[in-house]
Amino acid sequence: MTETPAHSATRRAEFLDGMKATFPLVVGAVPFGIIFGALAITAGLSPWATLGLSLFVYAGSSQFVGVGLVGAATPLPVIWLTTFVVNVRHALYAASLAPHMKHLGHRWMLPLGFWLTDETFVVVIKRFEQADTSPFKHWFYLGSAIIMYVNWNLCTLIGVAFGSAVPDPSRWGLDFAMSATFIGMLVPAIRSRPSLVAVVVAGAVAVAAHSLPNQLWLILAALCGIIAAVLAERYGKPGTPSAKTPAQP
């Protein structure tokens, strides 16, 4: 039996461990944040509006989508709907974290909910699923959230500072760092057949449906991946009843 690694059951230790576990993902997010700040300026947003998006919205992919729609003079209802659809995936993250955080009060739940990102979710869910009895795992979450939030806003500020000097920041090609970061987060999480099925199905649907308006391909891919994983979990086990092998009474 593999032993669960020991963790110091202190707030400070959990907080620092959360920052350390998130640091490699922070490095991958650096160019992403800088590009956002620069793109927002070149799309016509003021520096304060750009910084405000990162400070008070704090939703990387939705910020990119929103800035692109603002630059194209898209009506506000369409912008709201599109960014809402892009961020719906966070409801899935919250559902996974809820059993581990239901004992926390609003003083914790509200800020941690605001700071929930893809990167933080990946490292935090692994910590929560570890079998040790530390009562301060939410401090691990806080450490991860703080380092991501500070990094994102600093990088936005850098992008704003240099945005006017760069005519087309998207030509840098640094946005590939986002894709590489997400691949790096995803691969270690594939630890079972259902998770592999979910990834393959969601990826195939995302590619096939990428032309759908308002980023609807994101939701469609997520739903198809979830359904595929549930079916793989239910019918992929040895001895599971099927149409060809009726269950015995």
Protein backbone atom coordinates (compact mmCIF):
# COMPACT_ATOMS: atom_id res chain seq x y z
CA MET A 1 0.00 0.00 0.00
CA THR A 2 1.33 3.43 -0.91
CA GLU A 3 1.68 5.70 2.08
CA THR A 4 0.15 9.14 2.00
CA PRO A 5 2.86 11.77 2.34
CA ALA A 6 2.94 13.49 5.70
CA HIS A 7 1.92 17.15 5.85
CA SER A 8 2.48 19.67 8.62
CA ALA A 9 -0.96 20.46 9.98
CA THR A 10 -0.38 24.20 10.30
CA ARG A 11 -1.94 27.09 8.44
CA ARG A 12 1.42 28.49 7.39
CA ALA A 13 2.71 25.16 6.07
CA GLU A 14 -0.43 24.53 4.04
CA PHE A 15 -0.40 28.08 2.66
CA LEU A 16 3.23 27.82 1.54
CA ASP A 17 2.69 24.33 0.10
CA GLY A 18 -0.19 25.70 -1.98
CA MET A 19 2.04 28.45 -3.38
CA LYS A 20 4.85 25.99 -4.13
CA ALA A 21 2.54 23.51 -5.87
CA THR A 22 1.10 26.29 -8.06
CA PHE A 23 4.36 28.00 -8.97
CA PRO A 24 5.08 25.95 -12.16
CA LEU A 25 1.60 26.86 -13.44
CA VAL A 26 2.20 30.50 -12.56
CA VAL A 27 5.23 30.50 -14.86
CA GLY A 28 3.08 29.22 -17.71
CA ALA A 29 0.47 31.93 -17.07
CA VAL A 30 2.96 34.82 -17.21
CA PRO A 31 2.92 35.38 -21.01
CA PHE A 32 -0.83 34.80 -21.05
CA GLY A 33 -1.39 37.69 -18.62
CA ILE A 34 1.02 40.01 -20.41
CA ILE A 35 -0.66 39.35 -23.75
CA PHE A 36 -4.07 40.06 -22.25
CA GLY A 37 -2.98 43.45 -20.94
CA ALA A 38 -1.46 44.40 -24.27
CA LEU A 39 -4.40 43.13 -26.33
CA ALA A 40 -6.90 45.02 -24.19
CA ILE A 41 -5.06 48.29 -24.75
CA THR A 42 -4.81 47.76 -28.50
CA ALA A 43 -8.53 46.82 -28.57
CA GLY A 44 -9.38 50.27 -27.21
CA LEU A 45 -9.84 49.68 -23.47
CA SER A 46 -8.36 52.20 -21.08
CA PRO A 47 -5.57 51.12 -18.73
CA TRP A 48 -7.92 51.37 -15.74
CA ALA A 49 -10.62 49.31 -17.45
CA THR A 50 -8.05 46.66 -18.34
CA LEU A 51 -6.67 46.49 -14.82
CA GLY A 52 -10.22 46.44 -13.47
CA LEU A 53 -11.04 43.35 -15.50
CA SER A 54 -8.17 41.45 -13.93
CA LEU A 55 -8.84 42.77 -10.43
CA PHE A 56 -12.63 42.33 -10.30
CA VAL A 57 -13.47 39.78 -13.02
CA TYR A 58 -10.36 37.58 -12.84
CA ALA A 59 -11.35 35.05 -15.48
CA GLY A 60 -8.51 34.72 -17.98
CA SER A 61 -10.18 33.09 -20.97
CA SER A 62 -13.38 35.12 -20.50
CA GLN A 63 -11.32 38.30 -20.34
CA PHE A 64 -9.70 37.44 -23.66
CA VAL A 65 -13.06 36.66 -25.24
CA GLY A 66 -14.62 39.81 -23.81
CA VAL A 67 -11.83 42.05 -25.05
CA GLY A 68 -12.10 40.57 -28.54
CA LEU A 69 -15.84 41.17 -28.59
CA VAL A 70 -15.44 44.72 -27.30
CA GLY A 71 -12.90 45.40 -30.04
CA ALA A 72 -15.43 44.14 -32.60
CA ALA A 73 -18.13 46.47 -31.19
CA THR A 74 -20.31 43.51 -30.17
CA PRO A 75 -23.55 44.34 -28.27
CA LEU A 76 -23.31 43.98 -24.50
CA PRO A 77 -25.90 41.15 -24.18
CA VAL A 78 -23.83 39.00 -26.54
CA ILE A 79 -20.66 39.74 -24.57
CA TRP A 80 -22.39 38.79 -21.30
CA LEU A 81 -23.79 35.57 -22.73
CA THR A 82 -20.51 34.53 -24.32
CA THR A 83 -18.39 35.15 -21.22
CA PHE A 84 -20.99 33.35 -19.10
CA VAL A 85 -20.80 30.29 -21.32
CA VAL A 86 -17.00 30.29 -21.26
CA ASN A 87 -17.01 30.37 -17.45
CA VAL A 88 -19.68 27.72 -16.87
CA ARG A 89 -16.92 25.13 -16.49
CA HIS A 90 -16.21 26.61 -13.07
CA ALA A 91 -19.53 25.17 -11.88
CA LEU A 92 -18.03 21.72 -12.53
CA TYR A 93 -14.93 22.64 -10.55
CA ALA A 94 -17.07 23.91 -7.68
CA ALA A 95 -19.12 20.71 -7.63
CA SER A 96 -15.92 18.67 -7.26
CA LEU A 97 -14.62 20.85 -4.44
CA ALA A 98 -17.91 21.26 -2.56
CA PRO A 99 -17.71 18.01 -0.51
CA HIS A 100 -14.30 19.07 0.81
CA MET A 101 -15.31 22.65 1.66
CA LYS A 102 -18.88 22.37 2.96
CA HIS A 103 -17.71 22.97 6.53
CA LEU A 104 -16.34 26.42 5.68
CA GLY A 105 -18.34 29.59 6.26
CA HIS A 106 -19.03 32.44 3.83
CA ARG A 107 -15.91 34.24 5.06
CA TRP A 108 -13.90 31.54 3.28
CA MET A 109 -16.28 30.40 0.55
CA LEU A 110 -16.81 33.78 -1.10
CA PRO A 111 -13.16 34.75 -1.68
CA LEU A 112 -12.08 31.21 -2.54
CA GLY A 113 -14.95 30.95 -5.01
CA PHE A 114 -13.88 34.20 -6.65
CA TRP A 115 -10.26 33.02 -6.87
CA LEU A 116 -11.10 29.63 -8.38
CA THR A 117 -9.16 29.10 -11.62
CA ASP A 118 -8.21 26.13 -13.76
CA GLU A 119 -4.67 26.07 -12.36
CA THR A 120 -5.73 26.38 -8.74
CA PHE A 121 -8.39 23.71 -9.14
CA VAL A 122 -5.88 21.19 -10.48
CA VAL A 123 -3.50 21.48 -7.54
CA VAL A 124 -6.16 21.96 -4.86
CA ILE A 125 -8.32 18.96 -5.74
CA LYS A 126 -5.24 16.74 -5.49
CA ARG A 127 -4.52 18.13 -2.03
CA PHE A 128 -8.09 17.64 -0.84
CA GLU A 129 -8.12 14.05 -2.10
CA GLN A 130 -5.05 13.11 -0.09
CA ALA A 131 -5.96 10.96 2.91
CA ASP A 132 -4.13 12.82 5.67
CA THR A 133 -6.18 14.53 8.36
CA SER A 134 -4.89 18.08 8.10
CA PRO A 135 -7.71 20.47 9.10
CA PHE A 136 -6.14 23.35 7.19
CA LYS A 137 -6.31 22.19 3.57
CA HIS A 138 -8.31 25.29 2.72
CA TRP A 139 -5.16 27.27 3.55
CA PHE A 140 -3.43 25.30 0.79
CA TYR A 141 -6.21 26.55 -1.50
CA LEU A 142 -5.64 30.11 -0.27
CA GLY A 143 -1.91 29.93 -0.99
CA SER A 144 -2.54 28.68 -4.51
CA ALA A 145 -5.20 31.31 -5.13
CA ILE A 146 -3.14 34.24 -3.85
CA ILE A 147 -0.05 33.50 -5.95
CA MET A 148 -2.16 33.06 -9.08
CA TYR A 149 -4.15 36.26 -8.47
CA VAL A 150 -1.11 38.41 -7.76
CA ASN A 151 0.74 37.00 -10.75
CA TRP A 152 -2.19 37.59 -13.11
CA ASN A 153 -2.62 41.21 -12.07
CA LEU A 154 1.11 41.98 -12.21
CA CYS A 155 1.32 40.50 -15.70
CA THR A 156 -1.73 42.48 -16.79
CA LEU A 157 -0.01 45.63 -15.53
CA ILE A 158 3.11 44.77 -17.55
CA GLY A 159 0.98 44.19 -20.64
CA VAL A 160 -0.78 47.52 -20.15
CA ALA A 161 2.56 49.30 -19.79
CA PHE A 162 3.89 47.88 -23.06
CA GLY A 163 0.62 47.54 -24.97
CA SER A 164 0.87 50.88 -26.76
CA ALA A 165 4.38 49.99 -27.95
CA VAL A 166 3.32 46.71 -29.56
CA PRO A 167 0.93 47.01 -32.54
CA ASP A 168 -0.27 43.39 -32.50
CA PRO A 169 0.65 41.41 -29.36
CA SER A 170 -1.04 38.27 -30.66
CA ARG A 171 1.78 37.93 -33.19
CA TRP A 172 4.26 37.18 -30.42
CA GLY A 173 3.09 33.59 -30.38
CA LEU A 174 3.42 33.47 -26.59
CA ASP A 175 -0.21 32.40 -26.23
CA PHE A 176 1.02 28.86 -26.93
CA ALA A 177 2.13 28.89 -23.30
CA MET A 178 -1.53 28.70 -22.29
CA SER A 179 -2.07 25.55 -24.33
CA ALA A 180 1.12 23.99 -22.99
CA THR A 181 0.09 24.83 -19.43
CA PHE A 182 -3.33 23.22 -19.81
CA ILE A 183 -1.81 20.10 -21.35
CA GLY A 184 0.62 19.92 -18.45
CA MET A 185 -2.28 20.15 -16.00
CA LEU A 186 -4.41 17.62 -17.83
CA VAL A 187 -2.05 14.73 -18.48
CA PRO A 188 -1.22 13.91 -14.82
CA ALA A 189 -4.96 13.88 -14.05
CA ILE A 190 -5.60 11.00 -16.47
CA ARG A 191 -5.40 8.15 -13.98
CA SER A 192 -8.24 5.87 -15.02
CA ARG A 193 -10.09 4.60 -18.06
CA PRO A 194 -13.12 6.90 -17.54
CA SER A 195 -10.88 9.97 -17.31
CA LEU A 196 -9.08 8.96 -20.51
CA VAL A 197 -12.41 8.43 -22.27
CA ALA A 198 -13.60 11.84 -21.06
CA VAL A 199 -10.49 13.56 -22.41
CA VAL A 200 -10.65 11.85 -25.81
CA VAL A 201 -14.37 12.47 -26.29
CA ALA A 202 -14.25 16.08 -25.06
CA GLY A 203 -11.25 16.81 -27.29
CA ALA A 204 -12.91 15.31 -30.36
CA VAL A 205 -16.15 17.21 -29.75
CA ALA A 206 -14.26 20.47 -29.13
CA VAL A 207 -12.48 20.17 -32.47
CA ALA A 208 -15.64 19.16 -34.35
CA ALA A 209 -17.82 21.89 -32.80
CA HIS A 210 -15.27 24.71 -32.66
CA SER A 211 -17.19 26.77 -35.22
CA LEU A 212 -20.27 27.11 -32.97
CA PRO A 213 -21.05 30.71 -31.97
CA ASN A 214 -20.55 32.23 -28.53
CA GLN A 215 -17.99 29.60 -27.49
CA LEU A 216 -20.76 27.01 -27.13
CA TRP A 217 -18.30 24.31 -28.15
CA LEU A 218 -16.80 24.54 -24.66
CA ILE A 219 -20.02 23.54 -22.94
CA LEU A 220 -20.85 20.89 -25.53
CA ALA A 221 -17.40 19.32 -25.22
CA ALA A 222 -17.56 19.34 -21.41
CA LEU A 223 -21.01 17.74 -21.33
CA CYS A 224 -20.06 15.06 -23.85
CA GLY A 225 -16.88 14.30 -21.93
CA ILE A 226 -18.80 13.94 -18.67
CA ILE A 227 -21.42 11.68 -20.23
CA ALA A 228 -18.74 9.53 -21.85
CA ALA A 229 -16.89 9.18 -18.53
CA VAL A 230 -20.07 8.20 -16.69
CA LEU A 231 -20.86 5.56 -19.31
CA ALA A 232 -17.28 4.26 -19.21
CA GLU A 233 -17.44 4.04 -15.42
CA ARG A 234 -20.80 2.30 -15.45
CA TYR A 235 -20.31 -0.19 -18.27
CA GLY A 236 -16.55 -0.57 -18.39
CA LYS A 237 -16.15 -2.65 -15.25
CA PRO A 238 -15.77 -6.44 -15.49
CA GLY A 239 -19.02 -8.23 -14.83
CA THR A 240 -21.18 -5.17 -15.49
CA PRO A 241 -24.57 -6.20 -16.90
CA SER A 242 -25.10 -5.31 -20.54
CA ALA A 243 -27.62 -5.91 -23.24
CA LYS A 244 -25.80 -9.06 -24.30
CA THR A 245 -25.34 -10.40 -20.77
CA PRO A 246 -28.57 -9.98 -18.79
CA ALA A 247 -28.25 -9.55 -15.06
CA GLN A 248 -29.16 -12.58 -12.96
CA PRO A 249 -32.16 -12.17 -10.66
